[in-house]
Amino acid sequence: MQYFDALFPSIALATIFTIVILRMLKNQGGTNKGREDAAVDAAISARQQAIQAHQAAQRERAEQRS
């Protein structure tokens, strides 16, 4: 009986963890996948534009100093 009591929590947690992971994998994508992908693409694009603008501003300041 002690053997069962010792293993039950580990087995229960492993089972719950497996169910959660499988549920996450199953729910990836779906009807909102395109919208989510578009939002991520827009955020990445905005970030790249901000980096390029910052680099251009730094170049201008460096040229003005010299």
N, C-alpha and C. Protein backbone atom coordinates (compact mmCIF):
# COMPACT_ATOMS: atom_id res chain seq x y z
N MET A 1 0.81 -1.19 0.00
CA MET A 1 0.00 0.00 0.00
C MET A 1 0.87 1.27 0.00
N GLN A 2 1.98 1.21 0.71
CA GLN A 2 2.87 2.37 0.74
C GLN A 2 3.46 2.63 -0.65
N TYR A 3 3.68 1.55 -1.37
CA TYR A 3 4.20 1.67 -2.73
C TYR A 3 3.23 2.45 -3.60
N PHE A 4 1.95 2.12 -3.50
CA PHE A 4 0.91 2.83 -4.25
C PHE A 4 0.82 4.29 -3.82
N ASP A 5 0.86 4.53 -2.52
CA ASP A 5 0.80 5.90 -2.01
C ASP A 5 1.99 6.73 -2.48
N ALA A 6 3.13 6.10 -2.65
CA ALA A 6 4.33 6.82 -3.08
C ALA A 6 4.27 7.15 -4.57
N LEU A 7 3.70 6.26 -5.37
CA LEU A 7 3.70 6.46 -6.82
C LEU A 7 2.50 7.24 -7.33
N PHE A 8 1.40 7.23 -6.62
CA PHE A 8 0.18 7.87 -7.11
C PHE A 8 0.34 9.34 -7.46
N PRO A 9 0.95 10.18 -6.60
CA PRO A 9 1.09 11.60 -6.97
C PRO A 9 1.89 11.80 -8.26
N SER A 10 2.96 11.04 -8.42
CA SER A 10 3.79 11.18 -9.62
C SER A 10 3.03 10.76 -10.88
N ILE A 11 2.31 9.66 -10.78
CA ILE A 11 1.54 9.18 -11.92
C ILE A 11 0.41 10.15 -12.26
N ALA A 12 -0.25 10.68 -11.24
CA ALA A 12 -1.34 11.62 -11.46
C ALA A 12 -0.82 12.89 -12.13
N LEU A 13 0.29 13.42 -11.65
CA LEU A 13 0.85 14.64 -12.25
C LEU A 13 1.33 14.40 -13.67
N ALA A 14 1.94 13.26 -13.92
CA ALA A 14 2.40 12.95 -15.28
C ALA A 14 1.22 12.83 -16.23
N THR A 15 0.14 12.23 -15.77
CA THR A 15 -1.05 12.09 -16.60
C THR A 15 -1.67 13.45 -16.89
N ILE A 16 -1.80 14.28 -15.88
CA ILE A 16 -2.39 15.62 -16.07
C ILE A 16 -1.50 16.45 -17.01
N PHE A 17 -0.19 16.37 -16.82
CA PHE A 17 0.73 17.11 -17.67
C PHE A 17 0.60 16.67 -19.12
N THR A 18 0.52 15.37 -19.34
CA THR A 18 0.36 14.85 -20.70
C THR A 18 -0.93 15.33 -21.33
N ILE A 19 -2.01 15.33 -20.57
CA ILE A 19 -3.31 15.80 -21.09
C ILE A 19 -3.23 17.27 -21.45
N VAL A 20 -2.60 18.07 -20.60
CA VAL A 20 -2.48 19.51 -20.87
C VAL A 20 -1.67 19.75 -22.15
N ILE A 21 -0.55 19.06 -22.30
CA ILE A 21 0.28 19.23 -23.49
C ILE A 21 -0.47 18.80 -24.74
N LEU A 22 -1.15 17.67 -24.68
CA LEU A 22 -1.92 17.22 -25.85
C LEU A 22 -3.03 18.20 -26.20
N ARG A 23 -3.68 18.76 -25.20
CA ARG A 23 -4.74 19.74 -25.44
C ARG A 23 -4.17 20.99 -26.10
N MET A 24 -2.99 21.43 -25.63
CA MET A 24 -2.35 22.60 -26.23
C MET A 24 -2.00 22.34 -27.70
N LEU A 25 -1.44 21.18 -27.96
CA LEU A 25 -1.08 20.85 -29.34
C LEU A 25 -2.30 20.75 -30.23
N LYS A 26 -3.37 20.20 -29.70
CA LYS A 26 -4.60 20.05 -30.48
C LYS A 26 -5.22 21.41 -30.81
N ASN A 27 -5.12 22.35 -29.89
CA ASN A 27 -5.78 23.65 -30.07
C ASN A 27 -4.93 24.67 -30.80
N GLN A 28 -3.73 24.32 -31.20
CA GLN A 28 -2.93 25.26 -31.97
C GLN A 28 -3.57 25.44 -33.34
N GLY A 29 -3.53 26.64 -33.82
CA GLY A 29 -4.13 26.90 -35.14
C GLY A 29 -5.61 27.20 -34.97
N GLY A 30 -6.43 26.50 -35.69
CA GLY A 30 -7.86 26.71 -35.59
C GLY A 30 -8.32 27.88 -36.43
N THR A 31 -9.49 28.39 -36.10
CA THR A 31 -10.10 29.43 -36.91
C THR A 31 -9.39 30.77 -36.80
N ASN A 32 -8.72 31.03 -35.69
CA ASN A 32 -8.06 32.32 -35.50
C ASN A 32 -6.58 32.30 -35.87
N LYS A 33 -6.11 31.19 -36.41
CA LYS A 33 -4.68 31.07 -36.73
C LYS A 33 -4.22 32.16 -37.70
N GLY A 34 -4.97 32.40 -38.75
CA GLY A 34 -4.59 33.42 -39.71
C GLY A 34 -4.52 34.81 -39.10
N ARG A 35 -5.49 35.12 -38.26
CA ARG A 35 -5.50 36.43 -37.60
C ARG A 35 -4.33 36.57 -36.62
N GLU A 36 -4.06 35.50 -35.87
CA GLU A 36 -2.94 35.54 -34.94
C GLU A 36 -1.62 35.66 -35.67
N ASP A 37 -1.46 34.92 -36.77
CA ASP A 37 -0.23 35.01 -37.55
C ASP A 37 -0.06 36.41 -38.14
N ALA A 38 -1.15 37.01 -38.61
CA ALA A 38 -1.08 38.36 -39.16
C ALA A 38 -0.69 39.37 -38.09
N ALA A 39 -1.20 39.19 -36.88
CA ALA A 39 -0.86 40.11 -35.79
C ALA A 39 0.62 39.99 -35.44
N VAL A 40 1.13 38.79 -35.40
CA VAL A 40 2.56 38.58 -35.10
C VAL A 40 3.41 39.16 -36.22
N ASP A 41 3.03 38.92 -37.46
CA ASP A 41 3.79 39.47 -38.59
C ASP A 41 3.80 40.99 -38.56
N ALA A 42 2.67 41.60 -38.21
CA ALA A 42 2.60 43.06 -38.13
C ALA A 42 3.49 43.58 -37.01
N ALA A 43 3.52 42.89 -35.87
CA ALA A 43 4.36 43.32 -34.76
C ALA A 43 5.84 43.20 -35.12
N ILE A 44 6.21 42.13 -35.78
CA ILE A 44 7.60 41.95 -36.20
C ILE A 44 8.00 43.01 -37.21
N SER A 45 7.12 43.31 -38.15
CA SER A 45 7.39 44.33 -39.16
C SER A 45 7.56 45.70 -38.51
N ALA A 46 6.69 46.02 -37.57
CA ALA A 46 6.78 47.32 -36.89
C ALA A 46 8.09 47.42 -36.11
N ARG A 47 8.48 46.35 -35.48
CA ARG A 47 9.74 46.33 -34.72
C ARG A 47 10.93 46.53 -35.66
N GLN A 48 10.93 45.87 -36.80
CA GLN A 48 12.03 46.02 -37.76
C GLN A 48 12.09 47.44 -38.29
N GLN A 49 10.94 48.04 -38.57
CA GLN A 49 10.92 49.42 -39.05
C GLN A 49 11.46 50.37 -37.99
N ALA A 50 11.11 50.13 -36.73
CA ALA A 50 11.60 50.98 -35.65
C ALA A 50 13.11 50.86 -35.51
N ILE A 51 13.64 49.66 -35.65
CA ILE A 51 15.09 49.45 -35.57
C ILE A 51 15.78 50.17 -36.72
N GLN A 52 15.24 50.07 -37.93
CA GLN A 52 15.84 50.73 -39.08
C GLN A 52 15.80 52.24 -38.93
N ALA A 53 14.70 52.77 -38.41
CA ALA A 53 14.60 54.22 -38.20
C ALA A 53 15.61 54.68 -37.15
N HIS A 54 15.77 53.88 -36.11
CA HIS A 54 16.73 54.23 -35.07
C HIS A 54 18.15 54.22 -35.62
N GLN A 55 18.47 53.21 -36.42
CA GLN A 55 19.81 53.13 -37.00
C GLN A 55 20.06 54.30 -37.96
N ALA A 56 19.04 54.69 -38.72
CA ALA A 56 19.18 55.82 -39.64
C ALA A 56 19.41 57.11 -38.86
N ALA A 57 18.70 57.27 -37.76
CA ALA A 57 18.88 58.47 -36.93
C ALA A 57 20.28 58.50 -36.33
N GLN A 58 20.78 57.36 -35.91
CA GLN A 58 22.14 57.31 -35.37
C GLN A 58 23.17 57.67 -36.43
N ARG A 59 22.97 57.18 -37.65
CA ARG A 59 23.89 57.50 -38.73
C ARG A 59 23.89 59.00 -39.02
N GLU A 60 22.70 59.61 -39.02
CA GLU A 60 22.59 61.05 -39.26
C GLU A 60 23.33 61.83 -38.19
N ARG A 61 23.14 61.44 -36.93
CA ARG A 61 23.82 62.14 -35.84
C ARG A 61 25.34 61.98 -35.96
N ALA A 62 25.78 60.79 -36.36
CA ALA A 62 27.22 60.56 -36.51
C ALA A 62 27.79 61.41 -37.65
N GLU A 63 27.02 61.56 -38.74
CA GLU A 63 27.47 62.37 -39.87
C GLU A 63 27.50 63.85 -39.50
N GLN A 64 26.55 64.29 -38.69
CA GLN A 64 26.52 65.70 -38.29
C GLN A 64 27.69 66.05 -37.38
N ARG A 65 28.12 65.09 -36.57
CA ARG A 65 29.24 65.34 -35.65
C ARG A 65 30.57 65.43 -36.39
N SER A 66 30.67 64.71 -37.50
CA SER A 66 31.97 64.70 -38.20
C SER A 66 32.07 65.75 -39.25
